Amino acid sequence: MTAFAAQAADSTGGGVSFWAIAGPAIALCAIGVSVFLWWRGRERKALAYEVTVTQLMRPEAGGQIDIVYEGISVDDPQLVEIAVTNSGNAPLRREDYEGRLKLKFGSEPLLLSVDLTAVEPRDLPVHLVVEDRSLEVEPLLLNPKDGFSLKALVSDDPGEVRLQGRIAGVQEFQSSLTTARDRLIDSTVRIALPLLGLTVEREPSARSSSR
């Protein structure tokens, strides 16, 4: 054994050197970081929407109050609010759409009124096509984080509310549903827990809509 080899063996106590173990680990970490950065940076098309349904009249009052909206008798009016956002990192162009986006109601209630409540950016042109029992949105350019919100007053329980459509590169729309009961529970929990010295993070239940 040469003097240099003997000195190296003495410095490691005859065992495996630190770099013999750390070197491969560092290399694996570098590969992992590179893969992660590639995954984050790749083009990803995605559309997300959130639906909120609010019952405007208590069920027990249904037989005691007659509601008429613009000459139409309404038994159980409910407010449906939907927010749509480009949640990916790539633009959704008009030519990417195969037809209009459609707001699908499970029970096909009568649409009493529909209003666009917010757009981002402020000059985003959103064109709605409204009929008695259907609501559609014309194809539009949505850059990342662009979006819009609308509300619809319906005659009765809308059932399951889904956004449907086909967009090139988007396999499915990500959705979440929030009810008035969910919001009441959420606000109660967020007020009460800090008083107990606790915190909680609540995520809305997510599901994928059929296209």
Protein backbone atom coordinates (compact mmCIF):
# COMPACT_ATOMS: atom_id res chain seq x y z
CA MET A 1 0.00 0.00 0.00
CA THR A 2 1.40 3.34 -0.97
CA ALA A 3 1.85 6.11 1.55
CA PHE A 4 -1.07 8.08 -0.02
CA ALA A 5 -3.44 5.09 0.16
CA ALA A 6 -2.43 4.39 3.73
CA GLN A 7 -3.06 8.01 4.66
CA ALA A 8 -6.54 7.88 2.99
CA ALA A 9 -7.40 4.68 4.82
CA ASP A 10 -6.28 6.19 8.12
CA SER A 11 -8.39 9.33 7.53
CA THR A 12 -11.56 7.25 7.03
CA GLY A 13 -10.82 4.78 9.76
CA GLY A 14 -10.69 1.98 7.19
CA GLY A 15 -14.41 2.45 6.42
CA VAL A 16 -16.43 3.93 3.59
CA SER A 17 -15.72 7.61 2.95
CA PHE A 18 -18.39 10.30 3.38
CA TRP A 19 -18.36 11.18 -0.30
CA ALA A 20 -18.84 7.55 -1.32
CA ILE A 21 -22.27 7.75 0.35
CA ALA A 22 -23.14 11.39 -0.15
CA GLY A 23 -22.10 11.57 -3.80
CA PRO A 24 -24.82 9.25 -5.17
CA ALA A 25 -27.43 10.81 -2.87
CA ILE A 26 -26.60 14.31 -4.11
CA ALA A 27 -26.72 13.09 -7.70
CA LEU A 28 -30.17 11.55 -7.15
CA CYS A 29 -31.40 14.78 -5.56
CA ALA A 30 -30.12 16.77 -8.52
CA ILE A 31 -31.94 14.45 -10.91
CA GLY A 32 -35.11 14.73 -8.83
CA VAL A 33 -34.96 18.53 -8.84
CA SER A 34 -34.39 18.55 -12.61
CA VAL A 35 -37.39 16.28 -13.19
CA PHE A 36 -39.55 18.42 -10.88
CA LEU A 37 -38.55 21.66 -12.64
CA TRP A 38 -39.27 20.04 -16.01
CA TRP A 39 -42.68 18.88 -14.79
CA ARG A 40 -43.52 22.34 -13.43
CA GLY A 41 -42.37 24.07 -16.60
CA ARG A 42 -44.10 21.90 -19.17
CA GLU A 43 -47.19 23.21 -20.94
CA ARG A 44 -50.31 22.17 -19.07
CA LYS A 45 -53.84 23.04 -20.17
CA ALA A 46 -56.51 22.95 -17.47
CA LEU A 47 -59.90 24.45 -16.70
CA ALA A 48 -61.37 24.58 -13.21
CA TYR A 49 -64.75 25.70 -11.97
CA GLU A 50 -66.48 26.10 -8.62
CA VAL A 51 -70.23 25.90 -8.12
CA THR A 52 -72.16 27.36 -5.19
CA VAL A 53 -75.87 26.62 -4.72
CA THR A 54 -77.94 28.67 -2.26
CA GLN A 55 -81.52 27.88 -1.33
CA LEU A 56 -83.35 31.19 -1.03
CA MET A 57 -86.39 29.98 0.91
CA ARG A 58 -86.67 27.59 3.83
CA PRO A 59 -88.45 24.33 2.89
CA GLU A 60 -91.01 24.68 5.70
CA ALA A 61 -92.15 28.01 4.25
CA GLY A 62 -92.89 26.55 0.84
CA GLY A 63 -96.56 25.92 1.51
CA GLN A 64 -97.14 29.28 3.15
CA ILE A 65 -95.67 31.70 0.61
CA ASP A 66 -96.46 32.06 -3.07
CA ILE A 67 -93.55 33.48 -5.08
CA VAL A 68 -94.11 34.95 -8.52
CA TYR A 69 -91.14 36.13 -10.59
CA GLU A 70 -92.02 38.12 -13.72
CA GLY A 71 -95.37 36.36 -13.89
CA ILE A 72 -93.92 32.87 -13.27
CA SER A 73 -94.89 30.93 -10.14
CA VAL A 74 -91.75 29.70 -8.36
CA ASP A 75 -91.86 26.93 -5.74
CA ASP A 76 -88.26 26.72 -4.52
CA PRO A 77 -86.04 29.50 -5.95
CA GLN A 78 -82.31 28.86 -5.72
CA LEU A 79 -79.24 30.84 -6.65
CA VAL A 80 -76.52 29.06 -8.63
CA GLU A 81 -73.13 30.77 -8.78
CA ILE A 82 -70.24 29.47 -10.87
CA ALA A 83 -66.65 30.66 -11.20
CA VAL A 84 -64.57 29.44 -14.15
CA THR A 85 -60.77 29.80 -14.29
CA ASN A 86 -57.91 28.75 -16.55
CA SER A 87 -55.98 26.83 -13.89
CA GLY A 88 -53.20 25.67 -16.21
CA ASN A 89 -50.09 27.44 -17.45
CA ALA A 90 -51.02 27.58 -21.14
CA PRO A 91 -53.61 29.70 -22.97
CA LEU A 92 -56.96 28.22 -23.97
CA ARG A 93 -57.62 29.68 -27.41
CA ARG A 94 -60.93 29.95 -29.23
CA GLU A 95 -59.86 27.36 -31.77
CA ASP A 96 -59.17 24.88 -28.95
CA TYR A 97 -62.90 24.60 -28.16
CA GLU A 98 -65.17 22.09 -29.85
CA GLY A 99 -68.35 24.09 -29.44
CA ARG A 100 -69.63 26.10 -26.50
CA LEU A 101 -69.18 25.47 -22.81
CA LYS A 102 -72.48 24.28 -21.33
CA LEU A 103 -73.76 24.60 -17.78
CA LYS A 104 -75.63 21.37 -17.18
CA PHE A 105 -78.34 21.17 -14.51
CA GLY A 106 -79.36 17.76 -13.22
CA SER A 107 -83.07 18.59 -12.92
CA GLU A 108 -83.40 21.13 -15.76
CA PRO A 109 -84.94 23.99 -13.74
CA LEU A 110 -86.30 27.10 -15.39
CA LEU A 111 -83.71 29.87 -15.68
CA LEU A 112 -85.32 33.03 -14.30
CA SER A 113 -82.32 35.35 -14.70
CA VAL A 114 -78.60 35.11 -15.52
CA ASP A 115 -75.98 37.75 -14.80
CA LEU A 116 -72.24 37.97 -15.37
CA THR A 117 -70.81 39.06 -12.02
CA ALA A 118 -67.03 39.26 -12.56
CA VAL A 119 -64.36 38.89 -15.25
CA GLU A 120 -60.57 38.74 -15.02
CA PRO A 121 -59.07 40.65 -16.75
CA ARG A 122 -61.68 43.39 -16.75
CA ASP A 123 -61.87 43.53 -20.56
CA LEU A 124 -62.41 39.78 -20.98
CA PRO A 125 -65.28 39.38 -23.49
CA VAL A 126 -67.68 36.75 -22.17
CA HIS A 127 -70.73 36.04 -24.31
CA LEU A 128 -73.58 34.03 -22.75
CA VAL A 129 -76.28 32.19 -24.66
CA VAL A 130 -79.32 31.86 -22.41
CA GLU A 131 -82.53 29.96 -23.08
CA ASP A 132 -85.35 28.88 -20.78
CA ARG A 133 -83.54 25.80 -19.46
CA SER A 134 -80.01 26.04 -20.84
CA LEU A 135 -76.97 28.26 -20.36
CA GLU A 136 -73.94 28.23 -22.65
CA VAL A 137 -70.73 30.25 -23.01
CA GLU A 138 -69.21 31.07 -26.38
CA PRO A 139 -65.56 29.97 -26.88
CA LEU A 140 -63.15 32.62 -25.63
CA LEU A 141 -59.45 33.16 -25.08
CA LEU A 142 -58.47 32.40 -21.49
CA ASN A 143 -54.86 33.04 -20.57
CA PRO A 144 -53.52 31.43 -17.37
CA LYS A 145 -55.52 32.68 -14.34
CA ASP A 146 -58.08 34.39 -16.57
CA GLY A 147 -61.65 33.65 -15.62
CA PHE A 148 -65.21 34.79 -15.09
CA SER A 149 -68.09 34.36 -12.64
CA LEU A 150 -71.82 34.34 -13.19
CA LYS A 151 -74.99 33.74 -11.23
CA ALA A 152 -78.29 32.22 -12.26
CA LEU A 153 -81.60 32.39 -10.46
CA VAL A 154 -83.45 29.10 -11.03
CA SER A 155 -87.01 28.06 -10.28
CA ASP A 156 -86.23 25.02 -8.12
CA ASP A 157 -83.51 22.59 -7.02
CA PRO A 158 -81.02 22.46 -9.92
CA GLY A 159 -79.68 19.04 -8.96
CA GLU A 160 -76.07 18.35 -9.85
CA VAL A 161 -74.53 21.32 -11.66
CA ARG A 162 -71.70 20.60 -14.08
CA LEU A 163 -69.73 22.50 -16.68
CA GLN A 164 -69.46 20.50 -19.88
CA GLY A 165 -67.49 20.95 -23.07
CA ARG A 166 -64.48 19.76 -25.01
CA ILE A 167 -61.19 21.66 -25.17
CA ALA A 168 -58.09 20.41 -26.98
CA GLY A 169 -55.46 19.30 -24.48
CA VAL A 170 -57.86 19.29 -21.50
CA GLN A 171 -58.88 15.78 -20.47
CA GLU A 172 -61.37 16.82 -17.79
CA PHE A 173 -62.61 19.88 -15.96
CA GLN A 174 -61.80 20.07 -12.25
CA SER A 175 -64.79 21.05 -10.16
CA SER A 176 -65.89 21.69 -6.59
CA LEU A 177 -69.35 22.24 -5.15
CA THR A 178 -70.10 24.44 -2.15
CA THR A 179 -73.54 24.61 -0.53
CA ALA A 180 -74.94 27.12 1.96
CA ARG A 181 -74.62 24.46 4.68
CA ASP A 182 -70.93 23.96 3.83
CA ARG A 183 -70.29 27.71 4.10
CA LEU A 184 -72.11 27.90 7.45
CA ILE A 185 -70.08 25.02 8.89
CA ASP A 186 -66.86 26.42 7.48
CA SER A 187 -67.41 29.91 8.92
CA THR A 188 -68.44 28.50 12.31
CA VAL A 189 -65.34 26.30 12.49
CA ARG A 190 -63.01 29.13 11.46
CA ILE A 191 -64.44 31.42 14.14
CA ALA A 192 -64.53 28.83 16.95
CA LEU A 193 -61.18 27.09 16.54
CA PRO A 194 -58.95 30.17 16.99
CA LEU A 195 -60.71 30.77 20.29
CA LEU A 196 -59.47 27.31 21.32
CA GLY A 197 -55.96 28.04 20.07
CA LEU A 198 -56.38 25.71 17.08
CA THR A 199 -56.19 26.17 13.33
CA VAL A 200 -57.62 24.15 10.47
CA GLU A 201 -57.32 24.13 6.72
CA ARG A 202 -60.42 22.87 4.93
CA GLU A 203 -60.30 21.96 1.26
CA PRO A 204 -63.47 21.74 -0.87
CA SER A 205 -64.37 18.31 -2.14
CA ALA A 206 -63.14 18.02 -5.71
CA ARG A 207 -64.36 15.86 -8.52
CA SER A 208 -63.93 15.71 -12.25
CA SER A 209 -66.82 16.59 -14.49
CA SER A 210 -67.77 14.46 -17.41
CA ARG A 211 -67.22 16.13 -20.72
